[in-house]
Amino acid sequence: HAPALVCAWLGWVIQASQPKLPHFSSQELSNLLLSLARLSQPPHALLSSQALGQEWWARVAHVSRLMLPSADTLHAVNTLWAVAVLGHKPHAAWARALCRKVLAEREQLSAQGLAMVLWALARL
């Protein structure tokens, strides 16, 4: 795990990102989630309370569903994978919406993208 100072800074980044999430592109959102996943730093562990973590995840779910119609398939796959890596258990409706997006555009998936989707679904 990251040192305390890094964790404190990441907690600040997550808190600062929340009001800006509605203005993120699908790539920016997936990049944020991928970065947290690669750092093995789930947002709920970095925020000062469980309620703040739940609020942040609720905002991410809401924003990601709104951007799905215009989102790149790769960004949807990366978001799904990162959420699974971070150990978050999203509502089934959110996972179904992302899966519908990926299924509708499955011809754009590489073998790695398909593997990422299957792995994420197994973890969720």
Protein backbone atom coordinates (compact mmCIF):
# COMPACT_ATOMS: atom_id res chain seq x y z
CA HIS A 1 0.00 0.00 0.00
CA ALA A 2 0.96 3.61 -0.54
CA PRO A 3 2.57 5.75 2.20
CA ALA A 4 0.26 7.83 4.40
CA LEU A 5 1.11 11.10 2.66
CA VAL A 6 0.24 9.62 -0.74
CA CYS A 7 -3.02 8.22 0.64
CA ALA A 8 -3.91 11.62 2.12
CA TRP A 9 -3.22 13.28 -1.21
CA LEU A 10 -5.28 10.67 -3.09
CA GLY A 11 -8.14 11.23 -0.65
CA TRP A 12 -8.01 14.93 -1.44
CA VAL A 13 -8.03 14.18 -5.20
CA ILE A 14 -11.08 11.96 -4.81
CA GLN A 15 -12.95 14.55 -2.77
CA ALA A 16 -12.01 17.28 -5.25
CA SER A 17 -13.14 15.13 -8.18
CA GLN A 18 -16.67 14.55 -6.91
CA PRO A 19 -18.23 17.90 -7.89
CA LYS A 20 -16.33 17.79 -11.20
CA LEU A 21 -17.45 14.28 -12.19
CA PRO A 22 -20.46 15.49 -14.23
CA HIS A 23 -18.01 17.40 -16.45
CA PHE A 24 -15.68 14.43 -17.02
CA SER A 25 -15.55 12.69 -20.37
CA SER A 26 -15.85 8.91 -20.43
CA GLN A 27 -12.08 8.75 -20.96
CA GLU A 28 -11.36 11.01 -17.99
CA LEU A 29 -13.62 8.95 -15.74
CA SER A 30 -12.12 5.66 -16.86
CA ASN A 31 -8.60 7.10 -16.45
CA LEU A 32 -9.38 8.18 -12.88
CA LEU A 33 -10.77 4.76 -11.99
CA LEU A 34 -7.95 2.91 -13.75
CA SER A 35 -5.36 4.97 -11.90
CA LEU A 36 -6.94 4.19 -8.54
CA ALA A 37 -7.14 0.51 -9.49
CA ARG A 38 -3.49 0.39 -10.53
CA LEU A 39 -2.53 2.05 -7.25
CA SER A 40 -4.73 -0.46 -5.36
CA GLN A 41 -6.41 2.46 -3.62
CA PRO A 42 -10.21 2.12 -3.41
CA PRO A 43 -11.86 5.52 -2.89
CA HIS A 44 -13.89 4.42 0.12
CA ALA A 45 -10.63 3.59 1.95
CA LEU A 46 -9.17 7.02 1.21
CA LEU A 47 -12.10 9.16 2.31
CA SER A 48 -12.75 10.17 5.89
CA SER A 49 -15.99 8.22 6.23
CA GLN A 50 -17.86 5.32 4.69
CA ALA A 51 -20.73 7.69 3.89
CA LEU A 52 -18.41 9.87 1.77
CA GLY A 53 -17.20 6.78 -0.05
CA GLN A 54 -20.76 5.67 -0.78
CA GLU A 55 -21.65 9.17 -1.97
CA TRP A 56 -18.62 9.24 -4.29
CA TRP A 57 -19.46 5.83 -5.79
CA ALA A 58 -23.10 6.88 -6.26
CA ARG A 59 -21.94 9.96 -8.19
CA VAL A 60 -19.58 7.84 -10.33
CA ALA A 61 -22.40 5.40 -11.12
CA HIS A 62 -24.80 8.19 -12.03
CA VAL A 63 -22.33 10.05 -14.22
CA SER A 64 -21.07 6.92 -15.97
CA ARG A 65 -24.61 5.85 -16.87
CA LEU A 66 -25.40 9.30 -18.28
CA MET A 67 -22.34 9.22 -20.52
CA LEU A 68 -22.84 5.66 -21.78
CA PRO A 69 -24.60 6.58 -25.05
CA SER A 70 -21.61 8.63 -26.19
CA ALA A 71 -18.88 6.67 -24.40
CA ASP A 72 -16.20 4.80 -26.27
CA THR A 73 -16.51 1.03 -25.77
CA LEU A 74 -12.95 0.86 -24.44
CA HIS A 75 -13.78 3.42 -21.76
CA ALA A 76 -16.84 1.40 -20.70
CA VAL A 77 -14.71 -1.77 -20.50
CA ASN A 78 -11.98 0.01 -18.53
CA THR A 79 -14.55 1.48 -16.13
CA LEU A 80 -16.13 -1.93 -15.54
CA TRP A 81 -12.71 -3.52 -14.98
CA ALA A 82 -11.48 -0.78 -12.63
CA VAL A 83 -14.65 -0.92 -10.51
CA ALA A 84 -14.14 -4.68 -10.12
CA VAL A 85 -10.45 -4.27 -9.24
CA LEU A 86 -11.33 -1.65 -6.63
CA GLY A 87 -13.68 -4.12 -4.98
CA HIS A 88 -16.76 -1.99 -5.38
CA LYS A 89 -20.06 -3.83 -5.67
CA PRO A 90 -22.22 -1.63 -7.92
CA HIS A 91 -25.98 -1.94 -8.28
CA ALA A 92 -26.98 -4.63 -10.75
CA ALA A 93 -28.69 -2.01 -12.95
CA TRP A 94 -25.37 -0.19 -13.41
CA ALA A 95 -23.54 -3.36 -14.40
CA ARG A 96 -26.36 -4.32 -16.78
CA ALA A 97 -26.22 -0.88 -18.45
CA LEU A 98 -22.47 -1.16 -19.04
CA CYS A 99 -22.85 -4.72 -20.28
CA ARG A 100 -25.57 -3.65 -22.73
CA LYS A 101 -23.22 -0.96 -24.06
CA VAL A 102 -20.36 -3.43 -24.47
CA LEU A 103 -22.62 -6.08 -26.02
CA ALA A 104 -24.06 -3.59 -28.51
CA GLU A 105 -20.55 -2.67 -29.62
CA ARG A 106 -18.87 -6.04 -29.16
CA GLU A 107 -17.33 -5.95 -32.64
CA GLN A 108 -15.05 -3.19 -31.35
CA LEU A 109 -13.68 -5.37 -28.54
CA SER A 110 -10.22 -6.85 -28.76
CA ALA A 111 -9.49 -10.23 -27.20
CA GLN A 112 -8.03 -8.37 -24.21
CA GLY A 113 -11.17 -6.23 -23.90
CA LEU A 114 -13.35 -9.32 -23.91
CA ALA A 115 -11.16 -10.94 -21.25
CA MET A 116 -11.36 -7.77 -19.12
CA VAL A 117 -15.17 -7.77 -19.30
CA LEU A 118 -15.42 -11.44 -18.37
CA TRP A 119 -12.96 -11.04 -15.50
CA ALA A 120 -14.78 -7.97 -14.19
CA LEU A 121 -18.16 -9.70 -14.32
CA ALA A 122 -16.76 -12.66 -12.43
CA ARG A 123 -15.53 -10.28 -9.70
CA LEU A 124 -18.68 -8.19 -9.48
